[in-house]
Protein backbone atom coordinates (compact mmCIF):
# COMPACT_ATOMS: atom_id res chain seq x y z
CA UNK A 1 124.79 123.61 32.40
CA UNK A 2 123.33 120.43 33.90
CA UNK A 3 125.08 121.09 37.21
CA UNK A 4 123.64 124.62 37.38
CA UNK A 5 120.14 123.35 36.69
CA UNK A 6 120.54 120.67 39.35
CA UNK A 7 121.85 123.24 41.82
CA UNK A 8 118.91 125.53 41.14
CA UNK A 9 116.47 122.67 41.56
CA UNK A 10 117.99 121.54 44.85
CA UNK A 11 118.82 124.84 46.50
CA UNK A 12 117.20 127.87 45.00
CA UNK A 13 113.82 126.64 43.84
CA UNK A 14 113.03 124.21 46.67
CA UNK A 15 111.10 126.05 49.37
CA UNK A 16 112.72 125.87 52.75
CA UNK A 17 110.20 125.78 55.56
CA UNK A 18 110.90 127.99 58.54
CA UNK A 19 114.64 128.45 57.92
CA UNK A 20 114.34 132.01 59.18
CA UNK A 21 113.36 130.68 62.58
CA UNK A 22 116.33 128.36 62.61
CA UNK A 23 114.34 125.11 62.49
CA UNK A 24 115.63 123.76 59.16
CA UNK A 25 119.24 122.97 58.34
CA UNK A 26 120.00 123.68 54.68
CA UNK A 27 123.61 124.82 54.52
CA UNK A 28 125.71 124.47 51.38
CA UNK A 29 129.09 125.66 50.18
CA UNK A 30 129.14 128.31 47.50
CA UNK A 31 132.42 128.12 45.60
CA UNK A 32 133.21 131.22 43.57
CA UNK A 33 133.68 130.58 39.87
CA UNK A 34 137.12 131.62 38.56
CA UNK A 35 135.26 134.22 36.47
CA UNK A 36 133.70 135.88 39.54
CA UNK A 37 135.75 139.05 39.87
CA UNK A 38 133.83 140.82 42.65
CA UNK A 39 136.61 141.56 45.19
CA UNK A 40 134.27 140.61 48.05
CA UNK A 41 134.01 137.06 46.72
CA UNK A 42 136.92 136.43 44.34
CA UNK A 43 138.25 132.90 45.03
CA UNK A 44 136.00 132.55 48.06
CA UNK A 45 134.20 129.64 49.68
CA UNK A 46 131.00 130.65 51.46
CA UNK A 47 128.90 128.62 53.87
CA UNK A 48 125.38 129.73 52.94
CA UNK A 49 121.84 129.05 54.09
CA UNK A 50 118.60 130.03 52.42
CA UNK A 51 115.58 131.46 54.18
CA UNK A 52 111.95 130.60 53.48
CA UNK A 53 111.55 133.92 51.64
CA UNK A 54 114.36 133.09 49.17
CA UNK A 55 116.93 135.37 50.78
CA UNK A 56 120.32 133.86 51.59
CA UNK A 57 122.95 134.54 54.20
CA UNK A 58 126.44 133.18 54.63
CA UNK A 59 130.05 133.66 55.68
CA UNK A 60 133.21 133.65 53.58
CA UNK A 61 135.23 130.86 55.17
CA UNK A 62 138.66 131.36 53.63
CA UNK A 63 139.48 134.97 54.57
CA UNK A 64 141.13 135.07 57.99
CA UNK A 65 141.79 138.57 59.26
CA UNK A 66 144.99 139.87 60.82
CA UNK A 67 143.86 140.10 64.44
CA UNK A 68 142.04 138.08 67.06
CA UNK A 69 139.64 139.25 69.76
CA UNK A 70 142.46 138.68 72.26
CA UNK A 71 144.70 141.09 70.30
CA UNK A 72 141.99 143.69 69.79
CA UNK A 73 141.01 143.71 73.49
CA UNK A 74 144.21 142.65 75.30
CA UNK A 75 143.06 143.97 78.70
CA UNK A 76 139.79 142.04 78.64
CA UNK A 77 140.16 138.76 80.53
CA UNK A 78 137.12 137.26 78.83
CA UNK A 79 138.63 137.80 75.36
CA UNK A 80 142.04 136.24 76.09
CA UNK A 81 140.76 132.79 75.16
CA UNK A 82 139.84 133.92 71.63
CA UNK A 83 143.22 133.75 69.89
CA UNK A 84 142.04 132.65 66.44
CA UNK A 85 141.87 135.50 63.88
CA UNK A 86 138.53 137.13 63.23
CA UNK A 87 137.52 136.17 59.69
CA UNK A 88 136.22 138.58 57.06
CA UNK A 89 132.76 137.14 56.55
CA UNK A 90 131.43 139.40 53.82
CA UNK A 91 130.52 142.95 52.89
CA UNK A 92 127.28 143.25 54.90
CA UNK A 93 127.75 144.94 58.29
CA UNK A 94 131.52 144.56 57.94
CA UNK A 95 132.10 146.25 61.31
CA UNK A 96 129.76 143.88 63.15
CA UNK A 97 130.78 140.75 65.04
CA UNK A 98 129.07 137.49 64.05
CA UNK A 99 129.86 133.79 64.46
CA UNK A 100 129.55 130.26 63.18
CA UNK A 101 129.49 127.71 65.96
CA UNK A 102 129.02 124.01 66.49
CA UNK A 103 126.91 122.59 69.30
CA UNK A 104 124.52 119.63 69.57
CA UNK A 105 121.82 121.87 71.06
CA UNK A 106 120.53 124.59 68.75
CA UNK A 107 120.14 127.76 70.87
CA UNK A 108 117.22 130.16 70.50
CA UNK A 109 117.93 133.12 68.24
CA UNK A 110 120.55 131.31 66.12
CA UNK A 111 120.08 130.14 62.54
CA UNK A 112 120.69 126.40 62.18
CA UNK A 113 122.69 125.75 59.02
CA UNK A 114 123.82 122.12 59.35
CA UNK A 115 122.76 119.50 61.89
CA UNK A 116 125.02 120.86 64.64
CA UNK A 117 126.29 124.10 63.03
CA UNK A 118 124.56 127.45 63.47
CA UNK A 119 125.02 131.09 62.52
CA UNK A 120 124.98 133.78 65.21
CA UNK A 121 123.68 136.92 63.50
CA UNK A 122 121.82 138.30 66.52
CA UNK A 123 124.04 140.34 68.91
CA UNK A 124 122.45 138.58 71.91
CA UNK A 125 123.52 135.17 70.57
CA UNK A 126 127.05 136.46 69.87
CA UNK A 127 127.20 137.80 73.43
CA UNK A 128 126.20 134.39 74.81
CA UNK A 129 128.94 132.75 72.72
CA UNK A 130 131.50 135.19 74.13
CA UNK A 131 130.35 134.44 77.68
CA UNK A 132 130.17 130.65 77.30
CA UNK A 133 131.83 129.55 74.05
CA UNK A 134 131.21 126.09 72.65
CA UNK A 135 134.22 123.97 71.74
CA UNK A 136 134.04 125.11 68.10
CA UNK A 137 133.27 128.75 67.35
CA UNK A 138 134.65 131.12 64.74
CA UNK A 139 134.04 134.86 64.76
CA UNK A 140 133.54 137.05 61.69
CA UNK A 141 133.42 140.72 60.80
CA UNK A 142 130.52 141.06 58.39
CA UNK A 143 128.57 138.46 56.49
CA UNK A 144 127.33 137.85 52.95
CA UNK A 145 123.69 138.38 52.09
CA UNK A 146 121.50 138.06 49.01
CA UNK A 147 117.98 139.35 48.50
CA UNK A 148 115.30 136.88 47.36
CA UNK A 149 116.17 135.69 43.84
CA UNK A 150 119.57 137.40 43.75
CA UNK A 151 121.64 134.29 44.43
CA UNK A 152 119.54 132.30 41.94
CA UNK A 153 120.45 134.82 39.24
CA UNK A 154 124.14 134.64 40.18
CA UNK A 155 124.00 130.83 39.97
CA UNK A 156 122.29 131.00 36.58
CA UNK A 157 125.06 133.28 35.30
CA UNK A 158 127.69 130.77 36.46
CA UNK A 159 129.14 132.93 39.24
CA UNK A 160 129.04 130.12 41.79
CA UNK A 161 129.27 126.35 42.16
CA UNK A 162 127.36 124.51 44.89
CA UNK A 163 128.73 121.68 47.03
CA UNK A 164 127.47 119.86 50.10
CA UNK A 165 128.75 121.54 53.24
CA UNK A 166 131.02 119.71 55.66
CA UNK A 167 131.34 120.95 59.28
CA UNK A 168 134.93 119.74 59.50
CA UNK A 169 135.87 122.03 56.61
CA UNK A 170 133.99 124.94 58.19
CA UNK A 171 136.14 124.74 61.32
CA UNK A 172 139.46 123.55 59.96
CA UNK A 173 142.43 125.57 61.19
CA UNK A 174 144.25 126.26 57.93
CA UNK A 175 142.12 127.69 55.15
CA UNK A 176 145.03 128.10 52.72
CA UNK A 177 144.19 126.39 49.45
CA UNK A 178 140.52 125.84 50.37
CA UNK A 179 139.19 127.48 47.20
CA UNK A 180 141.48 125.38 45.01
CA UNK A 181 140.38 122.18 46.81
CA UNK A 182 136.71 123.06 46.39
CA UNK A 183 137.24 123.81 42.68
CA UNK A 184 138.69 120.32 42.23
CA UNK A 185 135.57 118.92 43.91
CA UNK A 186 133.23 120.96 41.69
CA UNK A 187 135.03 119.68 38.59
CA UNK A 188 134.63 116.10 39.85
CA UNK A 189 130.90 116.64 40.46
CA UNK A 190 130.49 118.21 37.02
CA UNK A 191 132.34 115.33 35.35
CA UNK A 192 130.18 112.73 37.15
CA UNK A 193 126.99 114.44 35.93
CA UNK A 194 128.01 114.28 32.28
């Protein structure tokens, strides 16, 4: 209970100035509770950011898809360099293409999530990433979204655990076992708060 209250105090209740414009980095990992049975999020780890209005947006990190952009568009020279699978980012706009990318310069139109990690939700930003990709970029079909107050209620009900986000985890190659690793971390945090 103490961990949930702390999480609410740090993430949900604290106003986040101008996150919608991409000026404030406030990314965290949401780790699905074992009791969360929603098939969109069961055993998932989500990189999430909260907007100034209380809405939240994120991407499920541990659901790689079956195909890459290179496989989907084999005749497109530009797409041949994108051989990593497209991840299943969440149930919102599941047919759309979005991205998480890492660059020291935060581009206009992107949502900064961590110091050098941003979300590309705008099609124009995604197009720029396809044309000139940074060294670390991961593409997603769909994303996860919560209306103002919705994620706070899910946290209060114990559906999620919160952890500090780590860019190296966001871009690691093998996501097998990520949820289990994050659950071990949440248990360690919970034990240290008791």
